[in-house]
Amino acid sequence: MGKREEDQGTRAIRCALGILLGGALALGVCLLFLLGASAAISGGLAGLGLTYQITIVGCVLGGFAGGLLAIGRCGSGLAAGLAVGAVLFLLLLTLGALCFREVSLEGESIGLLCGALCGGAAAGLTGGRPGGRRRKKRGRR
């Protein structure tokens, strides 16, 4: 194997690990946001009818945070962000199946998928590296 093949293999492993870590971070951010939102609902600051919308916002925020982590490790923008959104959705689907013993890909699950993918895509679009090199800004003397 040449040096070029080894570099591609290590980059692929680093990118896959970044996507998985981004998905784990996305799940953590989503669950922390939902914990805070549930406390706000219990305290009467938010209405009970907003739970579905709050859940989608949590997916968007989680996908965005995890996408930024994956882009920092991977280097590729939109693809890594969308992959993190997909990993977040699969983790949420797995947790839902373990907790509620049923999986329904109708109705509300599609909203969660769209929220997770949109959060990851937003991270991919905003967190990508520019094409050229950045110049270092020098301070005034």
N, C-alpha and C. Protein backbone atom coordinates (compact mmCIF):
# COMPACT_ATOMS: atom_id res chain seq x y z
N MET A 1 0.84 -1.19 0.00
CA MET A 1 0.00 0.00 0.00
C MET A 1 0.88 1.24 0.00
N GLY A 2 0.49 2.18 -0.82
CA GLY A 2 1.20 3.43 -0.86
C GLY A 2 0.75 4.37 0.23
N LYS A 3 1.48 5.44 0.33
CA LYS A 3 1.15 6.42 1.37
C LYS A 3 -0.22 7.05 1.11
N ARG A 4 -0.55 7.23 -0.15
CA ARG A 4 -1.83 7.86 -0.52
C ARG A 4 -3.02 7.01 -0.04
N GLU A 5 -2.93 5.70 -0.18
CA GLU A 5 -4.02 4.82 0.25
C GLU A 5 -4.18 4.85 1.76
N GLU A 6 -3.10 4.90 2.48
CA GLU A 6 -3.17 4.96 3.94
C GLU A 6 -3.80 6.27 4.39
N ASP A 7 -3.47 7.35 3.71
CA ASP A 7 -4.06 8.63 4.06
C ASP A 7 -5.56 8.63 3.84
N GLN A 8 -6.01 8.02 2.75
CA GLN A 8 -7.44 7.96 2.48
C GLN A 8 -8.16 7.09 3.50
N GLY A 9 -7.52 6.00 3.89
CA GLY A 9 -8.13 5.12 4.90
C GLY A 9 -8.25 5.78 6.25
N THR A 10 -7.19 6.46 6.67
CA THR A 10 -7.27 7.14 7.96
C THR A 10 -8.25 8.30 7.92
N ARG A 11 -8.33 8.97 6.79
CA ARG A 11 -9.30 10.07 6.69
C ARG A 11 -10.72 9.54 6.74
N ALA A 12 -10.99 8.40 6.09
CA ALA A 12 -12.33 7.81 6.13
C ALA A 12 -12.70 7.38 7.55
N ILE A 13 -11.75 6.81 8.26
CA ILE A 13 -12.02 6.39 9.64
C ILE A 13 -12.25 7.61 10.52
N ARG A 14 -11.43 8.66 10.35
CA ARG A 14 -11.60 9.88 11.13
C ARG A 14 -12.95 10.53 10.85
N CYS A 15 -13.36 10.50 9.59
CA CYS A 15 -14.65 11.10 9.22
C CYS A 15 -15.82 10.29 9.79
N ALA A 16 -15.73 8.96 9.71
CA ALA A 16 -16.79 8.12 10.27
C ALA A 16 -16.88 8.28 11.78
N LEU A 17 -15.73 8.36 12.43
CA LEU A 17 -15.73 8.58 13.88
C LEU A 17 -16.30 9.96 14.22
N GLY A 18 -15.97 10.96 13.41
CA GLY A 18 -16.52 12.30 13.63
C GLY A 18 -18.03 12.33 13.48
N ILE A 19 -18.55 11.58 12.52
CA ILE A 19 -20.00 11.53 12.31
C ILE A 19 -20.68 10.83 13.48
N LEU A 20 -20.08 9.74 13.97
CA LEU A 20 -20.67 9.04 15.11
C LEU A 20 -20.61 9.88 16.39
N LEU A 21 -19.48 10.55 16.61
CA LEU A 21 -19.38 11.44 17.77
C LEU A 21 -20.34 12.62 17.65
N GLY A 22 -20.49 13.13 16.42
CA GLY A 22 -21.45 14.21 16.19
C GLY A 22 -22.88 13.76 16.47
N GLY A 23 -23.20 12.52 16.09
CA GLY A 23 -24.53 11.99 16.38
C GLY A 23 -24.77 11.83 17.87
N ALA A 24 -23.73 11.40 18.59
CA ALA A 24 -23.87 11.28 20.05
C ALA A 24 -24.02 12.65 20.70
N LEU A 25 -23.24 13.63 20.23
CA LEU A 25 -23.39 14.98 20.77
C LEU A 25 -24.76 15.55 20.42
N ALA A 26 -25.23 15.28 19.22
CA ALA A 26 -26.55 15.76 18.81
C ALA A 26 -27.64 15.19 19.70
N LEU A 27 -27.52 13.90 20.01
CA LEU A 27 -28.51 13.28 20.91
C LEU A 27 -28.45 13.92 22.30
N GLY A 28 -27.25 14.16 22.80
CA GLY A 28 -27.11 14.78 24.11
C GLY A 28 -27.69 16.18 24.15
N VAL A 29 -27.41 16.98 23.13
CA VAL A 29 -27.95 18.35 23.07
C VAL A 29 -29.47 18.31 22.97
N CYS A 30 -29.98 17.40 22.14
CA CYS A 30 -31.43 17.28 21.99
C CYS A 30 -32.09 16.90 23.31
N LEU A 31 -31.52 15.93 24.00
CA LEU A 31 -32.12 15.50 25.26
C LEU A 31 -32.01 16.57 26.35
N LEU A 32 -30.90 17.31 26.38
CA LEU A 32 -30.78 18.41 27.35
C LEU A 32 -31.79 19.51 27.06
N PHE A 33 -31.97 19.83 25.79
CA PHE A 33 -32.97 20.84 25.43
C PHE A 33 -34.37 20.37 25.82
N LEU A 34 -34.66 19.10 25.56
CA LEU A 34 -35.98 18.57 25.91
C LEU A 34 -36.18 18.50 27.41
N LEU A 35 -35.11 18.29 28.17
CA LEU A 35 -35.20 18.31 29.63
C LEU A 35 -35.57 19.71 30.11
N GLY A 36 -34.92 20.71 29.56
CA GLY A 36 -35.25 22.08 29.91
C GLY A 36 -36.66 22.47 29.48
N ALA A 37 -37.06 21.99 28.31
CA ALA A 37 -38.42 22.29 27.84
C ALA A 37 -39.47 21.60 28.70
N SER A 38 -39.18 20.39 29.15
CA SER A 38 -40.14 19.71 30.03
C SER A 38 -40.25 20.41 31.38
N ALA A 39 -39.14 20.96 31.85
CA ALA A 39 -39.21 21.74 33.09
C ALA A 39 -40.02 23.01 32.89
N ALA A 40 -39.88 23.63 31.71
CA ALA A 40 -40.67 24.83 31.42
C ALA A 40 -42.16 24.50 31.31
N ILE A 41 -42.48 23.35 30.73
CA ILE A 41 -43.89 22.95 30.63
C ILE A 41 -44.44 22.63 32.01
N SER A 42 -43.65 21.95 32.84
CA SER A 42 -44.11 21.62 34.20
C SER A 42 -44.29 22.87 35.04
N GLY A 43 -43.45 23.87 34.81
CA GLY A 43 -43.56 25.11 35.56
C GLY A 43 -44.64 26.05 35.04
N GLY A 44 -45.27 25.70 33.95
CA GLY A 44 -46.34 26.52 33.39
C GLY A 44 -45.86 27.63 32.47
N LEU A 45 -44.57 27.63 32.10
CA LEU A 45 -44.06 28.68 31.20
C LEU A 45 -44.40 28.41 29.74
N ALA A 46 -44.62 27.16 29.39
CA ALA A 46 -44.98 26.79 28.02
C ALA A 46 -46.21 25.89 28.08
N GLY A 47 -46.98 25.92 27.01
CA GLY A 47 -48.19 25.12 26.97
C GLY A 47 -47.91 23.68 26.59
N LEU A 48 -48.78 22.80 27.01
CA LEU A 48 -48.63 21.38 26.71
C LEU A 48 -48.85 21.09 25.23
N GLY A 49 -49.58 21.96 24.55
CA GLY A 49 -49.84 21.76 23.13
C GLY A 49 -48.64 22.00 22.24
N LEU A 50 -47.56 22.53 22.79
CA LEU A 50 -46.37 22.84 21.99
C LEU A 50 -45.31 21.75 22.05
N THR A 51 -45.63 20.58 22.59
CA THR A 51 -44.61 19.56 22.78
C THR A 51 -44.02 19.07 21.46
N TYR A 52 -44.83 18.89 20.43
CA TYR A 52 -44.33 18.40 19.15
C TYR A 52 -43.40 19.43 18.51
N GLN A 53 -43.77 20.68 18.55
CA GLN A 53 -42.92 21.73 17.98
C GLN A 53 -41.62 21.87 18.75
N ILE A 54 -41.68 21.76 20.06
CA ILE A 54 -40.48 21.85 20.89
C ILE A 54 -39.56 20.68 20.59
N THR A 55 -40.12 19.50 20.36
CA THR A 55 -39.32 18.33 20.05
C THR A 55 -38.58 18.52 18.72
N ILE A 56 -39.25 19.10 17.74
CA ILE A 56 -38.60 19.34 16.45
C ILE A 56 -37.49 20.38 16.61
N VAL A 57 -37.72 21.41 17.41
CA VAL A 57 -36.67 22.41 17.66
C VAL A 57 -35.47 21.75 18.33
N GLY A 58 -35.71 20.84 19.25
CA GLY A 58 -34.62 20.10 19.88
C GLY A 58 -33.82 19.29 18.88
N CYS A 59 -34.52 18.68 17.91
CA CYS A 59 -33.81 17.92 16.86
C CYS A 59 -32.97 18.84 15.99
N VAL A 60 -33.50 20.01 15.67
CA VAL A 60 -32.74 20.96 14.84
C VAL A 60 -31.49 21.44 15.59
N LEU A 61 -31.65 21.79 16.86
CA LEU A 61 -30.50 22.25 17.64
C LEU A 61 -29.46 21.15 17.83
N GLY A 62 -29.92 19.94 18.10
CA GLY A 62 -29.01 18.82 18.26
C GLY A 62 -28.27 18.50 16.97
N GLY A 63 -29.00 18.48 15.85
CA GLY A 63 -28.37 18.23 14.56
C GLY A 63 -27.35 19.30 14.20
N PHE A 64 -27.64 20.54 14.56
CA PHE A 64 -26.71 21.63 14.28
C PHE A 64 -25.44 21.50 15.10
N ALA A 65 -25.58 21.23 16.40
CA ALA A 65 -24.40 21.10 17.26
C ALA A 65 -23.54 19.89 16.86
N GLY A 66 -24.19 18.76 16.61
CA GLY A 66 -23.44 17.58 16.20
C GLY A 66 -22.82 17.73 14.83
N GLY A 67 -23.52 18.44 13.93
CA GLY A 67 -22.98 18.69 12.60
C GLY A 67 -21.73 19.55 12.65
N LEU A 68 -21.71 20.54 13.53
CA LEU A 68 -20.51 21.37 13.65
C LEU A 68 -19.32 20.56 14.15
N LEU A 69 -19.56 19.64 15.08
CA LEU A 69 -18.48 18.79 15.56
C LEU A 69 -17.96 17.89 14.43
N ALA A 70 -18.86 17.29 13.68
CA ALA A 70 -18.45 16.38 12.60
C ALA A 70 -17.72 17.13 11.50
N ILE A 71 -18.14 18.34 11.21
CA ILE A 71 -17.48 19.12 10.16
C ILE A 71 -16.07 19.51 10.61
N GLY A 72 -15.91 19.80 11.88
CA GLY A 72 -14.59 20.11 12.40
C GLY A 72 -13.64 18.93 12.32
N ARG A 73 -14.15 17.72 12.48
CA ARG A 73 -13.30 16.54 12.41
C ARG A 73 -13.15 16.02 10.99
N CYS A 74 -14.19 16.17 10.19
CA CYS A 74 -14.23 15.58 8.85
C CYS A 74 -13.67 16.51 7.79
N GLY A 75 -14.11 17.74 7.83
CA GLY A 75 -13.69 18.70 6.82
C GLY A 75 -14.71 18.88 5.71
N SER A 76 -15.54 17.89 5.45
CA SER A 76 -16.55 18.04 4.41
C SER A 76 -17.80 18.65 5.03
N GLY A 77 -18.47 19.50 4.28
CA GLY A 77 -19.55 20.28 4.85
C GLY A 77 -20.90 19.61 4.89
N LEU A 78 -21.63 19.71 3.81
CA LEU A 78 -23.04 19.32 3.78
C LEU A 78 -23.23 17.83 4.00
N ALA A 79 -22.37 17.01 3.42
CA ALA A 79 -22.52 15.56 3.55
C ALA A 79 -22.36 15.12 5.00
N ALA A 80 -21.39 15.66 5.69
CA ALA A 80 -21.18 15.30 7.10
C ALA A 80 -22.34 15.78 7.95
N GLY A 81 -22.85 16.97 7.69
CA GLY A 81 -23.98 17.48 8.46
C GLY A 81 -25.23 16.64 8.27
N LEU A 82 -25.50 16.25 7.03
CA LEU A 82 -26.67 15.40 6.77
C LEU A 82 -26.50 14.02 7.38
N ALA A 83 -25.28 13.50 7.36
CA ALA A 83 -25.03 12.20 7.98
C ALA A 83 -25.26 12.25 9.48
N VAL A 84 -24.86 13.34 10.11
CA VAL A 84 -25.11 13.49 11.56
C VAL A 84 -26.61 13.57 11.82
N GLY A 85 -27.34 14.29 10.98
CA GLY A 85 -28.80 14.35 11.14
C GLY A 85 -29.44 12.98 11.02
N ALA A 86 -28.93 12.16 10.08
CA ALA A 86 -29.47 10.81 9.92
C ALA A 86 -29.13 9.94 11.13
N VAL A 87 -27.92 10.09 11.65
CA VAL A 87 -27.53 9.32 12.84
C VAL A 87 -28.39 9.73 14.04
N LEU A 88 -28.64 11.03 14.18
CA LEU A 88 -29.50 11.50 15.27
C LEU A 88 -30.89 10.90 15.16
N PHE A 89 -31.45 10.88 13.96
CA PHE A 89 -32.79 10.32 13.78
C PHE A 89 -32.80 8.83 14.10
N LEU A 90 -31.78 8.10 13.67
CA LEU A 90 -31.73 6.67 13.97
C LEU A 90 -31.58 6.41 15.47
N LEU A 91 -30.81 7.25 16.16
CA LEU A 91 -30.69 7.10 17.61
C LEU A 91 -32.01 7.39 18.31
N LEU A 92 -32.70 8.43 17.87
CA LEU A 92 -34.02 8.73 18.45
C LEU A 92 -35.02 7.62 18.16
N LEU A 93 -34.96 7.06 16.97
CA LEU A 93 -35.85 5.96 16.60
C LEU A 93 -35.55 4.73 17.46
N THR A 94 -34.28 4.45 17.71
CA THR A 94 -33.90 3.32 18.54
C THR A 94 -34.35 3.51 19.99
N LEU A 95 -34.14 4.72 20.52
CA LEU A 95 -34.60 5.00 21.88
C LEU A 95 -36.11 4.90 21.99
N GLY A 96 -36.81 5.39 20.99
CA GLY A 96 -38.27 5.28 20.99
C GLY A 96 -38.74 3.84 20.95
N ALA A 97 -38.05 3.01 20.16
CA ALA A 97 -38.42 1.59 20.09
C ALA A 97 -38.13 0.88 21.41
N LEU A 98 -37.03 1.24 22.06
CA LEU A 98 -36.70 0.59 23.34
C LEU A 98 -37.65 1.02 24.45
N CYS A 99 -38.04 2.28 24.45
CA CYS A 99 -38.89 2.79 25.54
C CYS A 99 -40.37 2.46 25.34
N PHE A 100 -40.84 2.52 24.09
CA PHE A 100 -42.28 2.40 23.85
C PHE A 100 -42.67 1.11 23.14
N ARG A 101 -41.70 0.29 22.76
CA ARG A 101 -41.92 -1.01 22.15
C ARG A 101 -42.68 -0.97 20.83
N GLU A 102 -42.73 0.17 20.18
CA GLU A 102 -43.34 0.25 18.85
C GLU A 102 -42.64 1.34 18.06
N VAL A 103 -42.56 1.12 16.75
CA VAL A 103 -41.91 2.07 15.87
C VAL A 103 -42.91 2.44 14.79
N SER A 104 -43.18 3.70 14.67
CA SER A 104 -44.09 4.19 13.65
C SER A 104 -43.38 5.25 12.84
N LEU A 105 -43.24 5.00 11.55
CA LEU A 105 -42.59 5.96 10.67
C LEU A 105 -43.60 6.84 9.97
N GLU A 106 -44.71 7.07 10.59
CA GLU A 106 -45.75 7.90 10.02
C GLU A 106 -45.90 9.17 10.85
N GLY A 107 -46.43 10.18 10.25
CA GLY A 107 -46.82 11.39 10.97
C GLY A 107 -45.69 12.11 11.66
N GLU A 108 -45.60 11.97 12.97
CA GLU A 108 -44.67 12.75 13.77
C GLU A 108 -43.22 12.37 13.55
N SER A 109 -42.95 11.14 13.18
CA SER A 109 -41.56 10.72 12.95
C SER A 109 -40.96 11.43 11.75
N ILE A 110 -41.75 11.72 10.75
CA ILE A 110 -41.25 12.42 9.57
C ILE A 110 -40.82 13.84 9.95
N GLY A 111 -41.53 14.48 10.85
CA GLY A 111 -41.14 15.80 11.33
C GLY A 111 -39.81 15.76 12.07
N LEU A 112 -39.59 14.71 12.87
CA LEU A 112 -38.33 14.56 13.57
C LEU A 112 -37.18 14.33 12.59
N LEU A 113 -37.43 13.53 11.56
CA LEU A 113 -36.41 13.30 10.54
C LEU A 113 -36.06 14.59 9.82
N CYS A 114 -37.07 15.35 9.42
CA CYS A 114 -36.82 16.63 8.74
C CYS A 114 -36.08 17.60 9.64
N GLY A 115 -36.44 17.66 10.92
CA GLY A 115 -35.76 18.56 11.86
C GLY A 115 -34.30 18.18 12.04
N ALA A 116 -34.02 16.89 12.19
CA ALA A 116 -32.64 16.45 12.38
C ALA A 116 -31.81 16.71 11.13
N LEU A 117 -32.38 16.42 9.96
CA LEU A 117 -31.65 16.65 8.71
C LEU A 117 -31.44 18.14 8.45
N CYS A 118 -32.43 18.95 8.76
CA CYS A 118 -32.29 20.40 8.56
C CYS A 118 -31.24 20.99 9.49
N GLY A 119 -31.18 20.53 10.72
CA GLY A 119 -30.15 21.00 11.64
C GLY A 119 -28.76 20.63 11.16
N GLY A 120 -28.59 19.39 10.70
CA GLY A 120 -27.30 18.97 10.18
C GLY A 120 -26.93 19.71 8.91
N ALA A 121 -27.92 19.94 8.03
CA ALA A 121 -27.65 20.67 6.79
C ALA A 121 -27.28 22.12 7.07
N ALA A 122 -27.94 22.72 8.06
CA ALA A 122 -27.60 24.10 8.42
C ALA A 122 -26.17 24.19 8.94
N ALA A 123 -25.75 23.20 9.71
CA ALA A 123 -24.37 23.17 10.18
C ALA A 123 -23.42 22.98 9.01
N GLY A 124 -23.81 22.15 8.06
CA GLY A 124 -22.97 21.93 6.89
C GLY A 124 -22.83 23.15 6.02
N LEU A 125 -23.88 23.93 5.93
CA LEU A 125 -23.83 25.13 5.09
C LEU A 125 -23.12 26.29 5.77
N THR A 126 -23.24 26.38 7.08
CA THR A 126 -22.62 27.51 7.78
C THR A 126 -21.25 27.20 8.34
N GLY A 127 -20.95 25.95 8.58
CA GLY A 127 -19.70 25.60 9.24
C GLY A 127 -18.62 25.11 8.32
N GLY A 128 -18.85 25.13 7.02
CA GLY A 128 -17.85 24.64 6.09
C GLY A 128 -16.66 25.57 5.98
N ARG A 129 -15.55 25.03 5.57
CA ARG A 129 -14.34 25.83 5.42
C ARG A 129 -14.39 26.57 4.08
N PRO A 130 -13.88 27.76 4.02
CA PRO A 130 -13.84 28.46 2.75
C PRO A 130 -12.83 27.81 1.81
N GLY A 131 -12.97 28.07 0.51
CA GLY A 131 -12.12 27.42 -0.47
C GLY A 131 -10.66 27.83 -0.38
N GLY A 132 -10.39 29.07 -0.10
CA GLY A 132 -9.00 29.53 -0.05
C GLY A 132 -8.47 29.53 1.37
N ARG A 133 -7.22 29.89 1.49
CA ARG A 133 -6.62 30.00 2.81
C ARG A 133 -7.07 31.27 3.50
N ARG A 134 -7.14 31.20 4.79
CA ARG A 134 -7.48 32.40 5.55
C ARG A 134 -6.20 33.16 5.85
N ARG A 135 -6.31 34.45 5.78
CA ARG A 135 -5.18 35.28 6.16
C ARG A 135 -5.27 35.59 7.63
N LYS A 136 -4.13 35.64 8.26
CA LYS A 136 -4.12 36.00 9.68
C LYS A 136 -4.24 37.50 9.79
N LYS A 137 -5.15 37.92 10.64
CA LYS A 137 -5.31 39.36 10.85
C LYS A 137 -4.25 39.82 11.82
N ARG A 138 -3.59 40.87 11.42
CA ARG A 138 -2.56 41.43 12.30
C ARG A 138 -3.14 42.62 13.05
N GLY A 139 -2.80 42.65 14.30
CA GLY A 139 -3.28 43.76 15.12
C GLY A 139 -2.54 45.05 14.81
N ARG A 140 -3.17 46.16 15.09
CA ARG A 140 -2.53 47.44 14.87
C ARG A 140 -1.47 47.68 15.92
N ARG A 141 -0.41 48.32 15.49
CA ARG A 141 0.68 48.60 16.42
C ARG A 141 0.72 50.04 16.77
